[in-house]
Protein backbone atom coordinates (compact mmCIF):
# COMPACT_ATOMS: atom_id res chain seq x y z
CA MET A 1 -3.95 -15.67 -5.67
CA SER A 2 -5.03 -12.52 -3.91
CA TRP A 3 -5.05 -8.95 -5.25
CA ASP A 4 -5.16 -5.66 -3.35
CA VAL A 5 -5.76 -2.44 -5.25
CA LEU A 6 -5.34 1.13 -3.98
CA HIS A 7 -6.62 3.88 -6.25
CA ASP A 8 -5.32 7.30 -7.12
CA ASP A 9 -7.45 10.37 -6.53
CA ASP A 10 -9.02 10.00 -10.01
CA GLY A 11 -10.31 6.51 -9.19
CA LYS A 12 -7.77 4.70 -11.41
CA PRO A 13 -5.63 1.90 -9.97
CA GLY A 14 -2.58 3.47 -8.36
CA LEU A 15 -1.03 0.52 -6.53
CA VAL A 16 -1.71 -3.15 -7.21
CA LEU A 17 -0.28 -5.77 -4.86
CA ARG A 18 -0.50 -9.54 -5.35
CA THR A 19 0.20 -12.54 -3.15
CA ASP A 20 0.38 -16.08 -4.50
CA ARG A 21 -0.73 -18.56 -1.85
CA LEU A 22 -0.21 -21.56 -4.16
CA ARG A 23 3.54 -20.98 -4.31
CA ASP A 24 3.80 -19.19 -0.96
CA PRO A 25 1.22 -20.76 1.42
CA LEU A 26 1.90 -18.24 4.20
CA GLY A 27 1.44 -15.30 1.84
CA LEU A 28 4.67 -13.66 2.98
CA LYS A 29 5.77 -12.56 -0.49
CA VAL A 30 4.10 -9.50 -1.95
CA PHE A 31 4.47 -8.71 -5.64
CA VAL A 32 4.07 -5.09 -6.77
CA GLU A 33 2.19 -5.32 -10.08
CA LEU A 34 1.61 -1.58 -10.51
CA ALA A 35 2.85 1.44 -8.56
CA GLY A 36 1.73 4.89 -9.61
CA PRO A 37 3.02 8.18 -8.20
CA ARG A 38 -0.14 8.95 -6.15
CA ILE A 39 -2.50 6.71 -4.18
CA LEU A 40 -5.31 6.97 -1.68
CA ILE A 41 -5.06 4.76 1.41
CA LEU A 42 -8.17 4.13 3.45
CA ALA A 43 -7.89 5.60 6.93
CA GLU A 44 -8.72 2.16 8.36
CA VAL A 45 -5.65 0.67 6.63
CA VAL A 46 -3.42 3.45 7.96
CA TYR A 47 -4.80 2.83 11.45
CA LEU A 48 -4.09 -0.91 11.19
CA LEU A 49 -0.56 -0.29 9.95
CA ARG A 50 0.13 2.13 12.81
CA LYS A 51 -1.36 -0.20 15.41
CA SER A 52 0.35 -3.42 14.34
CA ALA A 53 2.34 -5.01 11.56
CA ALA A 54 -0.32 -5.94 9.00
CA HIS A 55 2.16 -7.78 6.78
CA PRO A 56 5.92 -8.36 7.14
CA ALA A 57 6.59 -6.73 3.75
CA ILE A 58 4.55 -3.57 4.47
CA SER A 59 5.50 -0.99 7.08
CA LEU A 60 4.44 2.50 8.08
CA ASP A 61 7.05 4.59 9.89
CA GLY A 62 5.60 7.98 10.72
CA ASP A 63 4.18 9.15 7.40
CA VAL A 64 6.34 6.88 5.21
CA LEU A 65 4.73 3.74 3.78
CA THR A 66 7.25 1.15 2.55
CA ILE A 67 6.36 -1.95 0.58
CA ASP A 68 9.24 -4.41 0.20
CA GLY A 69 7.87 -6.51 -2.62
CA ALA A 70 9.54 -9.67 -3.88
CA ASN A 71 10.04 -7.92 -7.22
CA ARG A 72 10.19 -4.22 -6.31
CA ARG A 73 10.42 -1.80 -3.38
CA VAL A 74 7.97 1.11 -3.31
CA VAL A 75 7.97 4.05 -0.90
CA TYR A 76 5.13 6.56 -0.43
CA ARG A 77 4.87 9.58 1.86
CA ILE A 78 1.45 10.45 3.29
CA THR A 79 0.83 14.03 2.22
CA GLY A 80 -2.73 14.79 3.25
CA LYS A 81 -6.14 13.64 4.36
CA ASP A 82 -9.30 13.29 2.29
CA PRO A 83 -12.14 13.50 4.85
CA VAL A 84 -14.83 12.93 2.21
CA ARG A 85 -13.40 9.55 1.20
CA TYR A 86 -12.07 8.82 4.72
CA ALA A 87 -8.65 8.26 3.22
CA PHE A 88 -5.10 9.60 3.16
CA ALA A 89 -3.32 10.80 0.02
CA ALA A 90 0.19 9.46 -0.47
CA GLU A 91 2.79 10.02 -3.16
CA TRP A 92 6.32 9.13 -4.08
CA PRO A 93 8.82 11.24 -2.15
CA ASP A 94 11.00 13.52 -4.30
């Protein structure tokens, strides 16, 4: 089992994703365990998503990050840059 955690701007978990390689050996299913209204995404992750498809369930189209989880779909819009943390702020679109 693998966990990925993105934090909100207060340092609390904002988005928790899980893959289960025991049941899904290719790791193609992503489970959204927690999705808060605001997250910080490392600039390196944004770069990788823009350059290539990092995972079939995760896409970045312009400034819209979409996660098509096996249990839930989550959409975030990148709203700003945090140069101190080298990250981008993202939040649920209204």
